[in-house]
PDB file of all heavy atoms in Angstrom:
ATOM      1  N   ARG A   1     131.888  56.378  73.636  1.00  0.00           N
ATOM      2  CA  ARG A   1     131.595  57.789  73.893  1.00  0.00           C
ATOM      3  C   ARG A   1     132.644  58.336  74.860  1.00  0.00           C
ATOM      4  O   ARG A   1     132.913  57.746  75.912  1.00  0.00           O
ATOM      5  CB  ARG A   1     130.212  57.967  74.523  1.00  0.00           C
ATOM      6  CG  ARG A   1     129.792  59.447  74.614  1.00  0.00           C
ATOM      7  CD  ARG A   1     128.478  59.640  75.319  1.00  0.00           C
ATOM      8  NE  ARG A   1     128.599  59.441  76.770  1.00  0.00           N
ATOM      9  CZ  ARG A   1     127.573  59.551  77.624  1.00  0.00           C
ATOM     10  NH1 ARG A   1     126.356  59.816  77.143  1.00  0.00           N
ATOM     11  NH2 ARG A   1     127.733  59.361  78.915  1.00  0.00           N
ATOM     12  N   TYR A   2     133.233  59.450  74.455  1.00  0.00           N
ATOM     13  CA  TYR A   2     134.280  60.063  75.269  1.00  0.00           C
ATOM     14  C   TYR A   2     133.913  61.491  75.596  1.00  0.00           C
ATOM     15  O   TYR A   2     133.635  62.303  74.688  1.00  0.00           O
ATOM     16  CB  TYR A   2     135.615  60.037  74.506  1.00  0.00           C
ATOM     17  CG  TYR A   2     136.758  60.654  75.277  1.00  0.00           C
ATOM     18  CD1 TYR A   2     137.404  59.938  76.290  1.00  0.00           C
ATOM     19  CD2 TYR A   2     137.179  61.961  75.008  1.00  0.00           C
ATOM     20  CE1 TYR A   2     138.438  60.516  77.009  1.00  0.00           C
ATOM     21  CE2 TYR A   2     138.218  62.523  75.717  1.00  0.00           C
ATOM     22  CZ  TYR A   2     138.846  61.804  76.716  1.00  0.00           C
ATOM     23  OH  TYR A   2     139.880  62.376  77.427  1.00  0.00           O
ATOM     24  N   ARG A   3     133.900  61.815  76.893  1.00  0.00           N
ATOM     25  CA  ARG A   3     133.593  63.178  77.322  1.00  0.00           C
ATOM     26  C   ARG A   3     134.654  63.694  78.296  1.00  0.00           C
ATOM     27  O   ARG A   3     134.365  64.535  79.148  1.00  0.00           O
ATOM     28  CB  ARG A   3     132.210  63.231  77.972  1.00  0.00           C
ATOM     29  CG  ARG A   3     131.090  62.808  77.043  1.00  0.00           C
ATOM     30  CD  ARG A   3     129.728  63.215  77.517  1.00  0.00           C
ATOM     31  NE  ARG A   3     129.389  62.665  78.834  1.00  0.00           N
ATOM     32  CZ  ARG A   3     128.184  62.705  79.380  1.00  0.00           C
ATOM     33  NH1 ARG A   3     127.196  63.313  78.718  1.00  0.00           N
ATOM     34  NH2 ARG A   3     127.936  62.167  80.563  1.00  0.00           N
ATOM     35  N   GLY A   4     135.862  63.177  78.160  1.00  0.00           N
ATOM     36  CA  GLY A   4     136.952  63.626  79.005  1.00  0.00           C
ATOM     37  C   GLY A   4     137.403  62.543  79.976  1.00  0.00           C
ATOM     38  O   GLY A   4     136.759  61.506  80.123  1.00  0.00           O
ATOM     39  N   HIS A   5     138.530  62.787  80.621  1.00  0.00           N
ATOM     40  CA  HIS A   5     139.044  61.815  81.610  1.00  0.00           C
ATOM     41  C   HIS A   5     138.019  61.573  82.701  1.00  0.00           C
ATOM     42  O   HIS A   5     137.420  62.501  83.239  1.00  0.00           O
ATOM     43  CB  HIS A   5     140.349  62.342  82.214  1.00  0.00           C
ATOM     44  CG  HIS A   5     141.441  62.512  81.213  1.00  0.00           C
ATOM     45  ND1 HIS A   5     141.941  61.461  80.475  1.00  0.00           N
ATOM     46  CD2 HIS A   5     142.130  63.610  80.813  1.00  0.00           C
ATOM     47  CE1 HIS A   5     142.885  61.901  79.676  1.00  0.00           C
ATOM     48  NE2 HIS A   5     143.028  63.200  79.851  1.00  0.00           N
ATOM     49  N   GLY A   6     137.781  60.316  82.974  1.00  0.00           N
ATOM     50  CA  GLY A   6     136.785  59.942  83.966  1.00  0.00           C
ATOM     51  C   GLY A   6     135.388  59.764  83.392  1.00  0.00           C
ATOM     52  O   GLY A   6     134.475  59.369  84.113  1.00  0.00           O
ATOM     53  N   ASP A   7     135.219  60.082  82.135  1.00  0.00           N
ATOM     54  CA  ASP A   7     133.909  59.900  81.477  1.00  0.00           C
ATOM     55  C   ASP A   7     134.152  59.308  80.105  1.00  0.00           C
ATOM     56  O   ASP A   7     133.865  59.896  79.081  1.00  0.00           O
ATOM     57  CB  ASP A   7     133.185  61.234  81.364  1.00  0.00           C
ATOM     58  CG  ASP A   7     131.703  61.067  81.034  1.00  0.00           C
ATOM     59  OD1 ASP A   7     131.294  59.930  80.721  1.00  0.00           O
ATOM     60  OD2 ASP A   7     130.973  62.059  81.062  1.00  0.00           O
ATOM     61  N   ASP A   8     134.710  58.087  80.128  1.00  0.00           N
ATOM     62  CA  ASP A   8     135.121  57.387  78.899  1.00  0.00           C
ATOM     63  C   ASP A   8     134.376  56.061  78.853  1.00  0.00           C
ATOM     64  O   ASP A   8     134.668  55.156  79.636  1.00  0.00           O
ATOM     65  CB  ASP A   8     136.636  57.180  78.942  1.00  0.00           C
ATOM     66  CG  ASP A   8     137.196  56.542  77.684  1.00  0.00           C
ATOM     67  OD1 ASP A   8     136.408  56.030  76.883  1.00  0.00           O
ATOM     68  OD2 ASP A   8     138.415  56.569  77.507  1.00  0.00           O
ATOM     69  N   MET A   9     133.404  55.922  77.976  1.00  0.00           N
ATOM     70  CA  MET A   9     132.552  54.727  77.930  1.00  0.00           C
ATOM     71  C   MET A   9     132.813  53.946  76.647  1.00  0.00           C
ATOM     72  O   MET A   9     132.505  54.432  75.548  1.00  0.00           O
ATOM     73  CB  MET A   9     131.080  55.121  78.038  1.00  0.00           C
ATOM     74  CG  MET A   9     130.706  55.815  79.291  1.00  0.00           C
ATOM     75  SD  MET A   9     128.911  56.210  79.357  1.00  0.00           S
ATOM     76  CE  MET A   9     128.226  54.567  79.366  1.00  0.00           C
ATOM     77  N   ARG A  10     133.345  52.753  76.797  1.00  0.00           N
ATOM     78  CA  ARG A  10     133.526  51.824  75.681  1.00  0.00           C
ATOM     79  C   ARG A  10     132.607  50.630  75.929  1.00  0.00           C
ATOM     80  O   ARG A  10     132.783  49.892  76.893  1.00  0.00           O
ATOM     81  CB  ARG A  10     134.976  51.379  75.563  1.00  0.00           C
ATOM     82  CG  ARG A  10     135.937  52.526  75.276  1.00  0.00           C
ATOM     83  CD  ARG A  10     137.390  52.083  75.318  1.00  0.00           C
ATOM     84  NE  ARG A  10     138.298  53.219  75.195  1.00  0.00           N
ATOM     85  CZ  ARG A  10     138.881  53.609  74.055  1.00  0.00           C
ATOM     86  NH1 ARG A  10     138.648  52.933  72.946  1.00  0.00           N
ATOM     87  NH2 ARG A  10     139.688  54.653  74.041  1.00  0.00           N
ATOM     88  N   ILE A  11     131.618  50.478  75.064  1.00  0.00           N
ATOM     89  CA  ILE A  11     130.565  49.498  75.301  1.00  0.00           C
ATOM     90  C   ILE A  11     131.006  48.130  74.786  1.00  0.00           C
ATOM     91  O   ILE A  11     131.349  47.985  73.604  1.00  0.00           O
ATOM     92  CB  ILE A  11     129.259  49.922  74.587  1.00  0.00           C
ATOM     93  CG1 ILE A  11     128.867  51.339  75.010  1.00  0.00           C
ATOM     94  CG2 ILE A  11     128.158  48.920  74.899  1.00  0.00           C
ATOM     95  CD1 ILE A  11     128.655  51.524  76.488  1.00  0.00           C
ATOM     96  N   PRO A  12     131.028  47.092  75.634  1.00  0.00           N
ATOM     97  CA  PRO A  12     131.379  45.743  75.166  1.00  0.00           C
ATOM     98  C   PRO A  12     130.291  45.203  74.232  1.00  0.00           C
ATOM     99  O   PRO A  12     129.091  45.322  74.535  1.00  0.00           O
ATOM    100  CB  PRO A  12     131.480  44.931  76.459  1.00  0.00           C
ATOM    101  CG  PRO A  12     130.637  45.660  77.454  1.00  0.00           C
ATOM    102  CD  PRO A  12     130.740  47.120  77.089  1.00  0.00           C
ATOM    103  N   LEU A  13     130.716  44.604  73.135  1.00  0.00           N
ATOM    104  CA  LEU A  13     129.763  44.111  72.134  1.00  0.00           C
ATOM    105  C   LEU A  13     130.090  42.683  71.738  1.00  0.00           C
ATOM    106  O   LEU A  13     131.236  42.268  71.767  1.00  0.00           O
ATOM    107  CB  LEU A  13     129.803  45.008  70.892  1.00  0.00           C
ATOM    108  CG  LEU A  13     129.422  46.484  71.100  1.00  0.00           C
ATOM    109  CD1 LEU A  13     129.780  47.295  69.872  1.00  0.00           C
ATOM    110  CD2 LEU A  13     127.923  46.602  71.383  1.00  0.00           C
ATOM    111  N   GLU A  14     129.052  41.956  71.328  1.00  0.00           N
ATOM    112  CA  GLU A  14     129.222  40.591  70.863  1.00  0.00           C
ATOM    113  C   GLU A  14     129.760  40.592  69.434  1.00  0.00           C
ATOM    114  O   GLU A  14     129.568  41.547  68.674  1.00  0.00           O
ATOM    115  CB  GLU A  14     127.890  39.863  70.894  1.00  0.00           C
ATOM    116  CG  GLU A  14     127.297  39.705  72.273  1.00  0.00           C
ATOM    117  CD  GLU A  14     128.122  38.784  73.148  1.00  0.00           C
ATOM    118  OE1 GLU A  14     128.722  37.836  72.594  1.00  0.00           O
ATOM    119  OE2 GLU A  14     128.185  39.023  74.367  1.00  0.00           O
ATOM    120  N   PRO A  15     130.460  39.511  69.011  1.00  0.00           N
ATOM    121  CA  PRO A  15     130.850  39.392  67.615  1.00  0.00           C
ATOM    122  C   PRO A  15     129.622  39.471  66.708  1.00  0.00           C
ATOM    123  O   PRO A  15     128.551  38.964  67.032  1.00  0.00           O
ATOM    124  CB  PRO A  15     131.497  38.001  67.562  1.00  0.00           C
ATOM    125  CG  PRO A  15     131.968  37.727  68.954  1.00  0.00           C
ATOM    126  CD  PRO A  15     130.949  38.371  69.842  1.00  0.00           C
ATOM    127  N   ASP A  16     129.789  40.140  65.576  1.00  0.00           N
ATOM    128  CA  ASP A  16     128.727  40.332  64.580  1.00  0.00           C
ATOM    129  C   ASP A  16     127.600  41.240  65.076  1.00  0.00           C
ATOM    130  O   ASP A  16     126.518  41.262  64.486  1.00  0.00           O
ATOM    131  CB  ASP A  16     128.140  38.989  64.141  1.00  0.00           C
ATOM    132  CG  ASP A  16     129.086  38.209  63.247  1.00  0.00           C
ATOM    133  OD1 ASP A  16     130.010  38.840  62.671  1.00  0.00           O
ATOM    134  OD2 ASP A  16     128.927  36.979  63.128  1.00  0.00           O
ATOM    135  N   ALA A  17     127.862  42.011  66.105  1.00  0.00           N
ATOM    136  CA  ALA A  17     126.853  42.945  66.609  1.00  0.00           C
ATOM    137  C   ALA A  17     126.477  43.978  65.549  1.00  0.00           C
ATOM    138  O   ALA A  17     125.367  44.506  65.558  1.00  0.00           O
ATOM    139  CB  ALA A  17     127.343  43.646  67.865  1.00  0.00           C
ATOM    140  N   GLY A  18     127.387  44.233  64.625  1.00  0.00           N
ATOM    141  CA  GLY A  18     127.157  45.272  63.624  1.00  0.00           C
ATOM    142  C   GLY A  18     126.636  44.751  62.290  1.00  0.00           C
ATOM    143  O   GLY A  18     126.506  45.559  61.346  1.00  0.00           O
ATOM    144  N   ARG A  19     126.358  43.484  62.183  1.00  0.00           N
ATOM    145  CA  ARG A  19     125.822  42.973  60.909  1.00  0.00           C
ATOM    146  C   ARG A  19     124.463  43.580  60.617  1.00  0.00           C
ATOM    147  O   ARG A  19     123.682  43.858  61.514  1.00  0.00           O
ATOM    148  CB  ARG A  19     125.712  41.449  60.938  1.00  0.00           C
ATOM    149  CG  ARG A  19     127.036  40.748  60.680  1.00  0.00           C
ATOM    150  CD  ARG A  19     126.835  39.291  60.322  1.00  0.00           C
ATOM    151  NE  ARG A  19     128.114  38.644  60.036  1.00  0.00           N
ATOM    152  CZ  ARG A  19     128.667  38.624  58.850  1.00  0.00           C
ATOM    153  NH1 ARG A  19     128.067  39.212  57.821  1.00  0.00           N
ATOM    154  NH2 ARG A  19     129.841  38.031  58.653  1.00  0.00           N
ATOM    155  N   TYR A  20     124.193  43.743  59.334  1.00  0.00           N
ATOM    156  CA  TYR A  20     122.920  44.357  58.925  1.00  0.00           C
ATOM    157  C   TYR A  20     121.748  43.488  59.370  1.00  0.00           C
ATOM    158  O   TYR A  20     121.798  42.266  59.295  1.00  0.00           O
ATOM    159  CB  TYR A  20     122.892  44.549  57.421  1.00  0.00           C
ATOM    160  CG  TYR A  20     121.653  45.288  56.961  1.00  0.00           C
ATOM    161  CD1 TYR A  20     121.523  46.646  57.209  1.00  0.00           C
ATOM    162  CD2 TYR A  20     120.617  44.600  56.339  1.00  0.00           C
ATOM    163  CE1 TYR A  20     120.388  47.319  56.830  1.00  0.00           C
ATOM    164  CE2 TYR A  20     119.472  45.289  55.945  1.00  0.00           C
ATOM    165  CZ  TYR A  20     119.351  46.638  56.194  1.00  0.00           C
ATOM    166  OH  TYR A  20     118.226  47.307  55.825  1.00  0.00           O
ATOM    167  N   ASP A  21     120.687  44.163  59.798  1.00  0.00           N
ATOM    168  CA  ASP A  21     119.493  43.464  60.288  1.00  0.00           C
ATOM    169  C   ASP A  21     118.360  43.620  59.264  1.00  0.00           C
ATOM    170  O   ASP A  21     117.646  44.627  59.257  1.00  0.00           O
ATOM    171  CB  ASP A  21     119.071  44.038  61.640  1.00  0.00           C
ATOM    172  CG  ASP A  21     117.944  43.266  62.269  1.00  0.00           C
ATOM    173  OD1 ASP A  21     117.391  42.341  61.614  1.00  0.00           O
ATOM    174  OD2 ASP A  21     117.570  43.577  63.425  1.00  0.00           O
ATOM    175  N   ALA A  22     118.192  42.633  58.394  1.00  0.00           N
ATOM    176  CA  ALA A  22     117.130  42.713  57.395  1.00  0.00           C
ATOM    177  C   ALA A  22     115.761  42.404  57.983  1.00  0.00           C
ATOM    178  O   ALA A  22     114.724  42.733  57.376  1.00  0.00           O
ATOM    179  CB  ALA A  22     117.427  41.728  56.247  1.00  0.00           C
ATOM    180  N   ILE A  23     115.737  41.772  59.169  1.00  0.00           N
ATOM    181  CA  ILE A  23     114.467  41.370  59.769  1.00  0.00           C
ATOM    182  C   ILE A  23     113.876  42.467  60.636  1.00  0.00           C
ATOM    183  O   ILE A  23     112.667  42.534  60.820  1.00  0.00           O
ATOM    184  CB  ILE A  23     114.661  40.087  60.580  1.00  0.00           C
ATOM    185  CG1 ILE A  23     115.262  38.979  59.695  1.00  0.00           C
ATOM    186  CG2 ILE A  23     113.347  39.612  61.190  1.00  0.00           C
ATOM    187  CD1 ILE A  23     114.397  38.632  58.497  1.00  0.00           C
ATOM    188  N   GLY A  24     114.718  43.340  61.185  1.00  0.00           N
ATOM    189  CA  GLY A  24     114.245  44.367  62.098  1.00  0.00           C
ATOM    190  C   GLY A  24     113.080  45.191  61.599  1.00  0.00           C
ATOM    191  O   GLY A  24     112.043  45.322  62.271  1.00  0.00           O
ATOM    192  N   PRO A  25     113.169  45.775  60.374  1.00  0.00           N
ATOM    193  CA  PRO A  25     112.035  46.558  59.888  1.00  0.00           C
ATOM    194  C   PRO A  25     110.785  45.716  59.653  1.00  0.00           C
ATOM    195  O   PRO A  25     109.666  46.225  59.837  1.00  0.00           O
ATOM    196  CB  PRO A  25     112.570  47.132  58.569  1.00  0.00           C
ATOM    197  CG  PRO A  25     114.051  47.115  58.711  1.00  0.00           C
ATOM    198  CD  PRO A  25     114.360  45.908  59.514  1.00  0.00           C
ATOM    199  N   VAL A  26     110.948  44.455  59.267  1.00  0.00           N
ATOM    200  CA  VAL A  26     109.799  43.577  59.040  1.00  0.00           C
ATOM    201  C   VAL A  26     109.087  43.317  60.374  1.00  0.00           C
ATOM    202  O   VAL A  26     107.834  43.432  60.469  1.00  0.00           O
ATOM    203  CB  VAL A  26     110.241  42.253  58.407  1.00  0.00           C
ATOM    204  CG1 VAL A  26     109.046  41.329  58.223  1.00  0.00           C
ATOM    205  CG2 VAL A  26     110.932  42.500  57.081  1.00  0.00           C
ATOM    206  N   ASP A  27     109.877  42.956  61.396  1.00  0.00           N
ATOM    207  CA  ASP A  27     109.262  42.757  62.713  1.00  0.00           C
ATOM    208  C   ASP A  27     108.590  44.037  63.213  1.00  0.00           C
ATOM    209  O   ASP A  27     107.523  43.991  63.841  1.00  0.00           O
ATOM    210  CB  ASP A  27     110.328  42.303  63.726  1.00  0.00           C
ATOM    211  CG  ASP A  27     110.785  40.877  63.492  1.00  0.00           C
ATOM    212  OD1 ASP A  27     110.075  40.120  62.782  1.00  0.00           O
ATOM    213  OD2 ASP A  27     111.856  40.506  64.013  1.00  0.00           O
ATOM    214  N   ALA A  28     109.223  45.169  62.923  1.00  0.00           N
ATOM    215  CA  ALA A  28     108.685  46.450  63.410  1.00  0.00           C
ATOM    216  C   ALA A  28     107.331  46.746  62.809  1.00  0.00           C
ATOM    217  O   ALA A  28     106.403  47.162  63.535  1.00  0.00           O
ATOM    218  CB  ALA A  28     109.662  47.571  63.084  1.00  0.00           C
ATOM    219  N   ILE A  29     107.151  46.553  61.500  1.00  0.00           N
ATOM    220  CA  ILE A  29     105.861  46.886  60.889  1.00  0.00           C
ATOM    221  C   ILE A  29     104.758  45.966  61.407  1.00  0.00           C
ATOM    222  O   ILE A  29     103.611  46.395  61.584  1.00  0.00           O
ATOM    223  CB  ILE A  29     105.956  46.857  59.340  1.00  0.00           C
ATOM    224  CG1 ILE A  29     104.733  47.530  58.717  1.00  0.00           C
ATOM    225  CG2 ILE A  29     106.081  45.445  58.815  1.00  0.00           C
ATOM    226  CD1 ILE A  29     104.641  49.009  58.974  1.00  0.00           C
ATOM    227  N   VAL A  30     105.102  44.707  61.693  1.00  0.00           N
ATOM    228  CA  VAL A  30     104.097  43.803  62.261  1.00  0.00           C
ATOM    229  C   VAL A  30     103.696  44.240  63.665  1.00  0.00           C
ATOM    230  O   VAL A  30     102.506  44.312  64.001  1.00  0.00           O
ATOM    231  CB  VAL A  30     104.633  42.353  62.273  1.00  0.00           C
ATOM    232  CG1 VAL A  30     103.676  41.437  63.030  1.00  0.00           C
ATOM    233  CG2 VAL A  30     104.855  41.845  60.855  1.00  0.00           C
ATOM    234  N   GLU A  31     104.684  44.549  64.492  1.00  0.00           N
ATOM    235  CA  GLU A  31     104.399  45.000  65.861  1.00  0.00           C
ATOM    236  C   GLU A  31     103.608  46.285  65.850  1.00  0.00           C
ATOM    237  O   GLU A  31     102.640  46.457  66.633  1.00  0.00           O
ATOM    238  CB  GLU A  31     105.719  45.203  66.629  1.00  0.00           C
ATOM    239  CG  GLU A  31     106.430  43.911  66.975  1.00  0.00           C
ATOM    240  CD  GLU A  31     105.631  43.071  67.935  1.00  0.00           C
ATOM    241  OE1 GLU A  31     105.390  43.548  69.078  1.00  0.00           O
ATOM    242  OE2 GLU A  31     105.221  41.951  67.574  1.00  0.00           O
ATOM    243  N   LEU A  32     103.952  47.213  64.966  1.00  0.00           N
ATOM    244  CA  LEU A  32     103.241  48.490  64.901  1.00  0.00           C
ATOM    245  C   LEU A  32     101.808  48.300  64.446  1.00  0.00           C
ATOM    246  O   LEU A  32     100.897  48.965  64.926  1.00  0.00           O
ATOM    247  CB  LEU A  32     103.985  49.437  63.971  1.00  0.00           C
ATOM    248  CG  LEU A  32     105.345  49.941  64.506  1.00  0.00           C
ATOM    249  CD1 LEU A  32     106.174  50.513  63.369  1.00  0.00           C
ATOM    250  CD2 LEU A  32     105.135  50.975  65.601  1.00  0.00           C
ATOM    251  N   ALA A  33     101.600  47.377  63.507  1.00  0.00           N
ATOM    252  CA  ALA A  33     100.240  47.086  63.060  1.00  0.00           C
ATOM    253  C   ALA A  33      99.382  46.507  64.185  1.00  0.00           C
ATOM    254  O   ALA A  33      98.160  46.669  64.196  1.00  0.00           O
ATOM    255  CB  ALA A  33     100.262  46.128  61.878  1.00  0.00           C
ATOM    256  N   LEU A  34     100.040  45.858  65.143  1.00  0.00           N
ATOM    257  CA  LEU A  34      99.356  45.305  66.306  1.00  0.00           C
ATOM    258  C   LEU A  34      99.199  46.319  67.442  1.00  0.00           C
ATOM    259  O   LEU A  34      98.711  45.990  68.503  1.00  0.00           O
ATOM    260  CB  LEU A  34     100.118  44.069  66.824  1.00  0.00           C
ATOM    261  CG  LEU A  34     100.088  42.851  65.875  1.00  0.00           C
ATOM    262  CD1 LEU A  34     101.076  41.790  66.369  1.00  0.00           C
ATOM    263  CD2 LEU A  34      98.684  42.271  65.778  1.00  0.00           C
ATOM    264  N   GLY A  35      99.664  47.532  67.193  1.00  0.00           N
ATOM    265  CA  GLY A  35      99.512  48.589  68.173  1.00  0.00           C
ATOM    266  C   GLY A  35     100.573  48.638  69.236  1.00  0.00           C
ATOM    267  O   GLY A  35     100.354  49.184  70.317  1.00  0.00           O
ATOM    268  N   ARG A  36     101.752  48.099  68.927  1.00  0.00           N
ATOM    269  CA  ARG A  36     102.832  48.120  69.923  1.00  0.00           C
ATOM    270  C   ARG A  36     104.167  48.279  69.183  1.00  0.00           C
ATOM    271  O   ARG A  36     104.224  48.317  67.970  1.00  0.00           O
ATOM    272  CB  ARG A  36     102.817  46.835  70.740  1.00  0.00           C
ATOM    273  CG  ARG A  36     102.968  45.582  69.902  1.00  0.00           C
ATOM    274  CD  ARG A  36     102.541  44.343  70.650  1.00  0.00           C
ATOM    275  NE  ARG A  36     102.858  43.126  69.900  1.00  0.00           N
ATOM    276  CZ  ARG A  36     102.142  42.007  69.962  1.00  0.00           C
ATOM    277  NH1 ARG A  36     101.072  41.967  70.749  1.00  0.00           N
ATOM    278  NH2 ARG A  36     102.496  40.931  69.268  1.00  0.00           N
ATOM    279  N   GLY A  37     105.248  48.374  69.946  1.00  0.00           N
ATOM    280  CA  GLY A  37     106.573  48.487  69.342  1.00  0.00           C
ATOM    281  C   GLY A  37     106.929  49.926  69.004  1.00  0.00           C
ATOM    282  O   GLY A  37     106.183  50.871  69.298  1.00  0.00           O
ATOM    283  N   GLU A  38     108.084  50.105  68.377  1.00  0.00           N
ATOM    284  CA  GLU A  38     108.618  51.437  68.075  1.00  0.00           C
ATOM    285  C   GLU A  38     109.045  51.485  66.622  1.00  0.00           C
ATOM    286  O   GLU A  38     109.670  50.575  66.108  1.00  0.00           O
ATOM    287  CB  GLU A  38     109.852  51.727  68.965  1.00  0.00           C
ATOM    288  CG  GLU A  38     110.494  53.075  68.689  1.00  0.00           C
ATOM    289  CD  GLU A  38     111.771  53.294  69.491  1.00  0.00           C
ATOM    290  OE1 GLU A  38     112.233  52.336  70.144  1.00  0.00           O
ATOM    291  OE2 GLU A  38     112.295  54.421  69.450  1.00  0.00           O
ATOM    292  N   ASN A  39     108.720  52.583  65.975  1.00  0.00           N
ATOM    293  CA  ASN A  39     109.153  52.845  64.594  1.00  0.00           C
ATOM    294  C   ASN A  39     110.474  53.609  64.640  1.00  0.00           C
ATOM    295  O   ASN A  39     110.488  54.821  64.858  1.00  0.00           O
ATOM    296  CB  ASN A  39     108.092  53.637  63.838  1.00  0.00           C
ATOM    297  CG  ASN A  39     108.412  53.744  62.354  1.00  0.00           C
ATOM    298  OD1 ASN A  39     109.509  53.442  61.918  1.00  0.00           O
ATOM    299  ND2 ASN A  39     107.428  54.170  61.579  1.00  0.00           N
ATOM    300  N   ARG A  40     111.577  52.909  64.445  1.00  0.00           N
ATOM    301  CA  ARG A  40     112.899  53.511  64.489  1.00  0.00           C
ATOM    302  C   ARG A  40     113.354  53.985  63.111  1.00  0.00           C
ATOM    303  O   ARG A  40     114.488  54.430  62.962  1.00  0.00           O
ATOM    304  CB  ARG A  40     113.917  52.525  65.076  1.00  0.00           C
ATOM    305  CG  ARG A  40     113.628  52.142  66.536  1.00  0.00           C
ATOM    306  CD  ARG A  40     114.743  51.271  67.112  1.00  0.00           C
ATOM    307  NE  ARG A  40     116.025  51.901  67.001  1.00  0.00           N
ATOM    308  CZ  ARG A  40     116.484  52.856  67.797  1.00  0.00           C
ATOM    309  NH1 ARG A  40     115.736  53.295  68.801  1.00  0.00           N
ATOM    310  NH2 ARG A  40     117.692  53.369  67.616  1.00  0.00           N
ATOM    311  N   SER A  41     112.502  53.885  62.121  1.00  0.00           N
ATOM    312  CA  SER A  41     112.834  54.373  60.782  1.00  0.00           C
ATOM    313  C   SER A  41     111.565  54.916  60.112  1.00  0.00           C
ATOM    314  O   SER A  41     111.121  54.385  59.109  1.00  0.00           O
ATOM    315  CB  SER A  41     113.446  53.247  59.955  1.00  0.00           C
ATOM    316  OG  SER A  41     112.690  52.051  60.025  1.00  0.00           O
ATOM    317  N   PRO A  42     111.008  55.991  60.662  1.00  0.00           N
ATOM    318  CA  PRO A  42     109.731  56.513  60.167  1.00  0.00           C
ATOM    319  C   PRO A  42     109.897  57.323  58.880  1.00  0.00           C
ATOM    320  O   PRO A  42     111.005  57.623  58.437  1.00  0.00           O
ATOM    321  CB  PRO A  42     109.270  57.412  61.323  1.00  0.00           C
ATOM    322  CG  PRO A  42     110.546  57.888  61.948  1.00  0.00           C
ATOM    323  CD  PRO A  42     111.491  56.722  61.850  1.00  0.00           C
TER     324      PRO A  42
END
């Protein structure tokens, strides 16, 4: 994220941080059914 000189944020990331997460939605529906967690794809 860049908002000008002095406000330049480059976030360090682990290798494979961007690989697709096939498990995330599965875990989410289980957590939501238990009354907790967040629906990030409603």
